[in-house]
Amino acid sequence: MARKAVSKKHEFKISAPNANWVGVAGDFNNWNPDSLTARKDAKGVWKAAATMSAGTYEYKFVIDGSWITDPSCSRRTVNAFGTENSVLVLK
């Protein structure tokens, strides 16, 4: 019998109180930050939630046009541009 793929909700969050716009781009959304935009809370923390299947994903935050790795994520990998992507493992 085939196992059903399990989807899990994951919340991305980053503190950027002075930012005007934050998106999350990764291999789970074809690196399109406009498809997963974050909302800022009263403390200046931006949050965005995505439902994804179990697996390993690479991603970055896009803050006012600047692509940055997740400072709270210790897993990183070098990308084709010679910079790093954050790595998320969902089980």
Protein backbone atom coordinates (compact mmCIF):
# COMPACT_ATOMS: atom_id res chain seq x y z
CA MET A 1 0.00 0.00 0.00
CA ALA A 2 1.32 3.44 -0.92
CA ARG A 3 1.92 5.90 1.88
CA LYS A 4 0.05 9.17 1.69
CA ALA A 5 2.27 12.25 1.51
CA VAL A 6 1.98 14.24 4.70
CA SER A 7 1.79 18.01 4.45
CA LYS A 8 2.94 20.17 7.32
CA LYS A 9 2.53 23.84 8.01
CA HIS A 10 5.78 25.70 8.63
CA GLU A 11 6.09 29.26 9.85
CA PHE A 12 8.99 31.33 8.58
CA LYS A 13 9.86 34.31 10.77
CA ILE A 14 12.51 36.98 10.90
CA SER A 15 12.98 40.14 12.94
CA ALA A 16 13.19 43.17 10.65
CA PRO A 17 11.41 46.05 12.38
CA ASN A 18 12.53 48.67 9.85
CA ALA A 19 11.60 46.66 6.75
CA ASN A 20 8.78 47.68 4.46
CA TRP A 21 8.29 44.29 2.77
CA VAL A 22 9.39 40.69 3.40
CA GLY A 23 8.87 37.62 1.25
CA VAL A 24 10.13 34.06 1.41
CA ALA A 25 11.59 32.44 -1.69
CA GLY A 26 12.65 28.84 -2.02
CA ASP A 27 12.64 25.74 -4.12
CA PHE A 28 9.12 25.05 -2.75
CA ASN A 29 7.71 28.11 -4.57
CA ASN A 30 10.02 28.36 -7.59
CA TRP A 31 12.06 31.06 -5.84
CA ASN A 32 9.20 33.54 -6.16
CA PRO A 33 9.12 35.78 -3.05
CA ASP A 34 5.83 37.34 -4.16
CA SER A 35 4.08 33.99 -3.70
CA LEU A 36 4.82 33.88 0.05
CA THR A 37 4.74 37.32 1.62
CA ALA A 38 5.09 37.91 5.34
CA ARG A 39 3.20 40.13 7.73
CA LYS A 40 4.82 42.22 10.46
CA ASP A 41 3.66 41.94 14.05
CA ALA A 42 3.79 44.68 16.70
CA LYS A 43 7.34 43.67 17.70
CA GLY A 44 8.72 43.96 14.16
CA VAL A 45 8.83 40.22 13.50
CA TRP A 46 7.72 39.20 10.02
CA LYS A 47 5.89 35.87 9.71
CA ALA A 48 4.70 33.79 6.76
CA ALA A 49 3.27 30.27 6.83
CA ALA A 50 3.44 27.63 4.10
CA THR A 51 2.08 24.11 3.89
CA MET A 52 4.64 21.72 2.43
CA SER A 53 5.20 18.00 2.13
CA ALA A 54 7.93 16.36 4.20
CA GLY A 55 11.33 16.90 2.61
CA THR A 56 14.38 19.14 2.43
CA TYR A 57 14.00 22.67 1.10
CA GLU A 58 16.34 25.56 0.35
CA TYR A 59 15.12 29.12 0.94
CA LYS A 60 15.97 32.76 1.59
CA PHE A 61 14.17 35.79 2.93
CA VAL A 62 13.80 38.77 0.61
CA ILE A 63 13.73 41.96 2.65
CA ASP A 64 13.05 45.12 0.67
CA GLY A 65 14.73 43.49 -2.35
CA SER A 66 17.77 42.06 -0.53
CA TRP A 67 18.09 38.25 -0.46
CA ILE A 68 19.37 36.99 2.90
CA THR A 69 19.72 33.68 4.68
CA ASP A 70 17.65 32.95 7.77
CA PRO A 71 19.75 34.04 10.78
CA SER A 72 17.92 31.54 13.01
CA CYS A 73 18.69 28.57 10.73
CA SER A 74 22.07 26.89 11.21
CA ARG A 75 21.72 24.60 8.17
CA ARG A 76 23.12 26.18 5.02
CA THR A 77 24.24 25.07 1.58
CA VAL A 78 26.17 26.83 -1.18
CA ASN A 79 24.01 27.76 -4.18
CA ALA A 80 24.83 28.21 -7.89
CA PHE A 81 25.55 31.92 -7.31
CA GLY A 82 28.34 31.22 -4.79
CA THR A 83 26.29 32.46 -1.85
CA GLU A 84 24.38 30.38 0.70
CA ASN A 85 20.77 29.28 1.07
CA SER A 86 19.14 28.27 4.33
CA VAL A 87 18.04 24.63 4.51
CA LEU A 88 14.76 23.48 6.05
CA VAL A 89 14.14 19.80 6.80
CA LEU A 90 10.49 18.84 7.39
CA LYS A 91 9.82 15.33 8.67
